[in-house]
C-alpha atoms as a PDB file:
ATOM      1  CA  MET A   1      22.228   0.930-275.127  1.00  0.00           C
ATOM      2  CA  GLY A   2      20.404   1.810-271.871  1.00  0.00           C
ATOM      3  CA  ASP A   3      19.128  -0.444-270.651  1.00  0.00           C
ATOM      4  CA  THR A   4      22.779  -2.602-270.183  1.00  0.00           C
ATOM      5  CA  VAL A   5      24.626   0.182-268.902  1.00  0.00           C
ATOM      6  CA  LEU A   6      21.844  -0.380-265.870  1.00  0.00           C
ATOM      7  CA  SER A   7      21.479  -3.203-265.234  1.00  0.00           C
ATOM      8  CA  ILE A   8      25.187  -3.235-264.210  1.00  0.00           C
ATOM      9  CA  PHE A   9      23.820  -0.982-260.632  1.00  0.00           C
ATOM     10  CA  ALA A  10      20.501  -3.727-260.862  1.00  0.00           C
ATOM     11  CA  VAL A  11      21.762  -6.001-257.276  1.00  0.00           C
ATOM     12  CA  ASN A  12      20.068  -9.573-257.196  1.00  0.00           C
ATOM     13  CA  ILE A  13      19.029 -10.606-253.522  1.00  0.00           C
ATOM     14  CA  ASP A  14      18.903 -14.162-253.260  1.00  0.00           C
ATOM     15  CA  PHE A  15      17.033 -14.396-249.556  1.00  0.00           C
ATOM     16  CA  ASP A  16      18.129 -17.724-248.822  1.00  0.00           C
ATOM     17  CA  GLN A  17      21.496 -17.530-249.305  1.00  0.00           C
ATOM     18  CA  SER A  18      21.935 -13.742-247.875  1.00  0.00           C
ATOM     19  CA  HIS A  19      22.357 -14.679-244.218  1.00  0.00           C
ATOM     20  CA  LEU A  20      25.560 -16.721-245.373  1.00  0.00           C
ATOM     21  CA  PHE A  21      27.961 -13.770-246.868  1.00  0.00           C
ATOM     22  CA  PHE A  22      28.949 -12.375-243.562  1.00  0.00           C
ATOM     23  CA  PRO A  23      29.916 -15.457-241.973  1.00  0.00           C
ATOM     24  CA  ARG A  24      31.436 -17.211-245.516  1.00  0.00           C
ATOM     25  CA  ILE A  25      33.565 -13.335-245.704  1.00  0.00           C
ATOM     26  CA  ILE A  26      34.765 -14.104-241.034  1.00  0.00           C
ATOM     27  CA  MET A  27      35.438 -17.946-241.853  1.00  0.00           C
ATOM     28  CA  CYS A  28      37.817 -17.499-244.666  1.00  0.00           C
ATOM     29  CA  LEU A  29      39.509 -15.005-242.813  1.00  0.00           C
ATOM     30  CA  LEU A  30      39.848 -17.291-240.061  1.00  0.00           C
ATOM     31  CA  LEU A  31      41.119 -19.848-242.186  1.00  0.00           C
ATOM     32  CA  LEU A  32      43.783 -16.976-243.929  1.00  0.00           C
ATOM     33  CA  LEU A  33      45.080 -16.237-239.863  1.00  0.00           C
ATOM     34  CA  PHE A  34      45.863 -19.528-238.384  1.00  0.00           C
ATOM     35  CA  ALA A  35      47.238 -20.479-241.544  1.00  0.00           C
ATOM     36  CA  ALA A  36      49.755 -17.230-241.164  1.00  0.00           C
ATOM     37  CA  ILE A  37      50.192 -18.288-237.572  1.00  0.00           C
ATOM     38  CA  VAL A  38      50.665 -22.259-238.743  1.00  0.00           C
ATOM     39  CA  VAL A  39      53.732 -21.167-241.112  1.00  0.00           C
ATOM     40  CA  LEU A  40      55.036 -18.476-238.861  1.00  0.00           C
ATOM     41  CA  TYR A  41      55.482 -20.611-235.194  1.00  0.00           C
ATOM     42  CA  GLY A  42      53.974 -24.442-235.990  1.00  0.00           C
ATOM     43  CA  ARG A  43      57.575 -25.221-236.888  1.00  0.00           C
ATOM     44  CA  ALA A  44      59.618 -23.867-233.479  1.00  0.00           C
ATOM     45  CA  PHE A  45      56.325 -25.031-231.383  1.00  0.00           C
ATOM     46  CA  PHE A  46      56.368 -28.636-232.548  1.00  0.00           C
ATOM     47  CA  GLN A  47      60.409 -28.006-232.081  1.00  0.00           C
ATOM     48  CA  ASP A  48      60.033 -27.091-228.710  1.00  0.00           C
ATOM     49  CA  ILE A  49      57.518 -29.958-227.614  1.00  0.00           C
ATOM     50  CA  ARG A  50      59.822 -32.452-229.356  1.00  0.00           C
ATOM     51  CA  ALA A  51      62.676 -30.836-227.226  1.00  0.00           C
ATOM     52  CA  GLY A  52      60.320 -30.589-224.662  1.00  0.00           C
ATOM     53  CA  ARG A  53      60.559 -27.317-223.141  1.00  0.00           C
ATOM     54  CA  ARG A  54      56.579 -27.240-223.502  1.00  0.00           C
ATOM     55  CA  ARG A  55      54.464 -29.840-222.508  1.00  0.00           C
ATOM     56  CA  LEU A  56      51.011 -30.672-226.011  1.00  0.00           C
ATOM     57  CA  ARG A  57      47.800 -29.659-223.806  1.00  0.00           C
ATOM     58  CA  PHE A  58      44.846 -27.728-224.106  1.00  0.00           C
ATOM     59  CA  PHE A  59      43.976 -25.780-220.530  1.00  0.00           C
ATOM     60  CA  GLU A  60      46.617 -24.350-218.325  1.00  0.00           C
ATOM     61  CA  GLU A  61      46.897 -25.875-214.852  1.00  0.00           C
ATOM     62  CA  HIS A  62      44.189 -23.581-213.113  1.00  0.00           C
ATOM     63  CA  TYR A  63      42.795 -22.130-215.673  1.00  0.00           C
ATOM     64  CA  ASP A  64      39.226 -20.120-214.653  1.00  0.00           C
ATOM     65  CA  LYS A  65      36.637 -22.608-215.086  1.00  0.00           C
ATOM     66  CA  ILE A  66      34.020 -20.804-213.531  1.00  0.00           C
ATOM     67  CA  ARG A  67      34.342 -17.781-216.329  1.00  0.00           C
ATOM     68  CA  LEU A  68      35.481 -20.880-218.934  1.00  0.00           C
ATOM     69  CA  PHE A  69      32.335 -22.744-218.689  1.00  0.00           C
ATOM     70  CA  GLY A  70      29.966 -19.650-217.081  1.00  0.00           C
ATOM     71  CA  THR A  71      31.061 -18.476-220.620  1.00  0.00           C
ATOM     72  CA  ILE A  72      29.591 -20.982-223.265  1.00  0.00           C
ATOM     73  CA  ALA A  73      26.257 -21.883-221.351  1.00  0.00           C
ATOM     74  CA  GLY A  74      26.149 -18.201-222.100  1.00  0.00           C
ATOM     75  CA  VAL A  75      25.988 -17.477-225.481  1.00  0.00           C
ATOM     76  CA  ILE A  76      24.702 -21.655-225.723  1.00  0.00           C
ATOM     77  CA  VAL A  77      21.144 -19.074-223.664  1.00  0.00           C
ATOM     78  CA  TYR A  78      21.809 -16.604-225.220  1.00  0.00           C
ATOM     79  CA  PHE A  79      21.456 -17.995-229.509  1.00  0.00           C
ATOM     80  CA  VAL A  80      18.403 -20.467-227.531  1.00  0.00           C
ATOM     81  CA  VAL A  81      16.756 -17.693-225.097  1.00  0.00           C
ATOM     82  CA  MET A  82      16.741 -14.905-228.947  1.00  0.00           C
ATOM     83  CA  ASP A  83      15.635 -17.792-231.444  1.00  0.00           C
ATOM     84  CA  TYR A  84      12.784 -17.998-228.344  1.00  0.00           C
ATOM     85  CA  VAL A  85      12.194 -14.611-228.431  1.00  0.00           C
ATOM     86  CA  GLY A  86      12.761 -13.406-231.619  1.00  0.00           C
ATOM     87  CA  THR A  87       9.385 -15.809-232.140  1.00  0.00           C
ATOM     88  CA  LEU A  88       7.390 -14.229-229.907  1.00  0.00           C
ATOM     89  CA  PHE A  89       8.335 -10.508-231.768  1.00  0.00           C
ATOM     90  CA  PRO A  90       8.453 -11.768-235.803  1.00  0.00           C
ATOM     91  CA  ASN A  91      10.555  -9.105-237.696  1.00  0.00           C
ATOM     92  CA  THR A  92      11.361  -6.657-234.763  1.00  0.00           C
ATOM     93  CA  GLY A  93      14.880  -7.389-233.935  1.00  0.00           C
ATOM     94  CA  LEU A  94      13.630  -7.602-230.306  1.00  0.00           C
ATOM     95  CA  GLY A  95      14.907 -11.327-229.733  1.00  0.00           C
ATOM     96  CA  PHE A  96      17.957  -9.488-229.769  1.00  0.00           C
ATOM     97  CA  LEU A  97      17.872  -6.951-228.203  1.00  0.00           C
ATOM     98  CA  LEU A  98      15.424  -8.293-224.983  1.00  0.00           C
ATOM     99  CA  VAL A  99      18.641 -10.615-224.594  1.00  0.00           C
ATOM    100  CA  SER A 100      21.727  -8.710-225.327  1.00  0.00           C
ATOM    101  CA  ILE A 101      20.992  -6.257-222.299  1.00  0.00           C
ATOM    102  CA  PRO A 102      21.066  -9.127-219.532  1.00  0.00           C
ATOM    103  CA  PHE A 103      23.965 -11.644-221.566  1.00  0.00           C
ATOM    104  CA  MET A 104      25.557  -8.303-222.051  1.00  0.00           C
ATOM    105  CA  MET A 105      24.881  -7.531-217.857  1.00  0.00           C
ATOM    106  CA  PHE A 106      25.928 -11.737-217.287  1.00  0.00           C
ATOM    107  CA  LEU A 107      28.692 -11.374-218.966  1.00  0.00           C
ATOM    108  CA  SER A 108      30.395  -8.587-217.162  1.00  0.00           C
ATOM    109  CA  PHE A 109      29.670  -8.680-213.864  1.00  0.00           C
ATOM    110  CA  LEU A 110      31.182 -12.473-215.140  1.00  0.00           C
ATOM    111  CA  TYR A 111      34.294 -11.143-215.600  1.00  0.00           C
ATOM    112  CA  VAL A 112      35.258  -7.569-213.705  1.00  0.00           C
ATOM    113  CA  HIS A 113      37.267  -7.907-210.307  1.00  0.00           C
ATOM    114  CA  ASP A 114      36.258  -5.545-207.628  1.00  0.00           C
ATOM    115  CA  LEU A 115      33.257  -4.688-207.527  1.00  0.00           C
ATOM    116  CA  ASN A 116      32.723  -2.280-206.249  1.00  0.00           C
ATOM    117  CA  ARG A 117      29.527   1.218-207.285  1.00  0.00           C
ATOM    118  CA  ARG A 118      30.660   2.727-209.331  1.00  0.00           C
ATOM    119  CA  LYS A 119      31.336  -0.646-211.704  1.00  0.00           C
ATOM    120  CA  THR A 120      28.345  -1.716-212.018  1.00  0.00           C
ATOM    121  CA  VAL A 121      26.653   1.565-212.674  1.00  0.00           C
ATOM    122  CA  ILE A 122      28.912   1.879-215.532  1.00  0.00           C
ATOM    123  CA  ILE A 123      27.849  -2.202-216.432  1.00  0.00           C
ATOM    124  CA  LEU A 124      24.575  -1.612-216.369  1.00  0.00           C
ATOM    125  CA  LEU A 125      24.350   1.218-218.642  1.00  0.00           C
ATOM    126  CA  ASN A 126      26.618  -0.220-221.502  1.00  0.00           C
ATOM    127  CA  SER A 127      24.049  -3.359-221.006  1.00  0.00           C
ATOM    128  CA  THR A 128      21.811  -1.098-222.175  1.00  0.00           C
ATOM    129  CA  ILE A 129      22.602   1.112-223.978  1.00  0.00           C
ATOM    130  CA  ALA A 130      25.467  -0.791-226.186  1.00  0.00           C
ATOM    131  CA  PRO A 131      22.401  -3.432-227.310  1.00  0.00           C
ATOM    132  CA  VAL A 132      20.028  -0.075-228.030  1.00  0.00           C
ATOM    133  CA  THR A 133      22.313   1.673-230.738  1.00  0.00           C
ATOM    134  CA  ALA A 134      22.932  -1.641-232.049  1.00  0.00           C
ATOM    135  CA  TRP A 135      19.811  -2.691-232.243  1.00  0.00           C
ATOM    136  CA  TYR A 136      18.642   0.585-233.650  1.00  0.00           C
ATOM    137  CA  ILE A 137      22.034   0.909-236.580  1.00  0.00           C
ATOM    138  CA  LEU A 138      21.214  -1.903-238.072  1.00  0.00           C
ATOM    139  CA  GLY A 139      17.614  -2.455-237.897  1.00  0.00           C
ATOM    140  CA  ASN A 140      16.592   0.742-237.915  1.00  0.00           C
ATOM    141  CA  LEU A 141      18.864   2.747-240.149  1.00  0.00           C
ATOM    142  CA  PHE A 142      19.907  -0.449-242.150  1.00  0.00           C
ATOM    143  CA  ASN A 143      17.146  -2.385-242.291  1.00  0.00           C
ATOM    144  CA  ILE A 144      19.052  -5.239-240.927  1.00  0.00           C
ATOM    145  CA  THR A 145      16.828  -7.641-239.990  1.00  0.00           C
ATOM    146  CA  LEU A 146      18.326  -8.771-236.960  1.00  0.00           C
ATOM    147  CA  PRO A 147      16.427 -11.770-234.778  1.00  0.00           C
END
């Protein structure tokens, strides 16, 4: 009797599949939100297209090409470099930490308007403090393996 009661509190982790747990949850939530948007707004959207009040196109006329393609390129470089740096310092989370700081700086400077000394100091502090805090909390307090 004692073993069966205690067995409900036992946790078995399949480490080959455990990294897929949260991405699956996020993907299901995104699919549910997409379905809700289609159900709530889909009919009116396609009626507007048929009536000519709206055009079906991917980009607006004067979209910000530098920020769009800069963000896409930055994210690709971020993941590639994080993997490379993570292999240099395995199981320490330094790949995440050392690459997240310049990545946050890059994105912040890419999206800031009217750059001045105050905003520069805030960007530099935020780009350093936020990844260090996340790295410490996730890696040290919760023992979550970071790249």
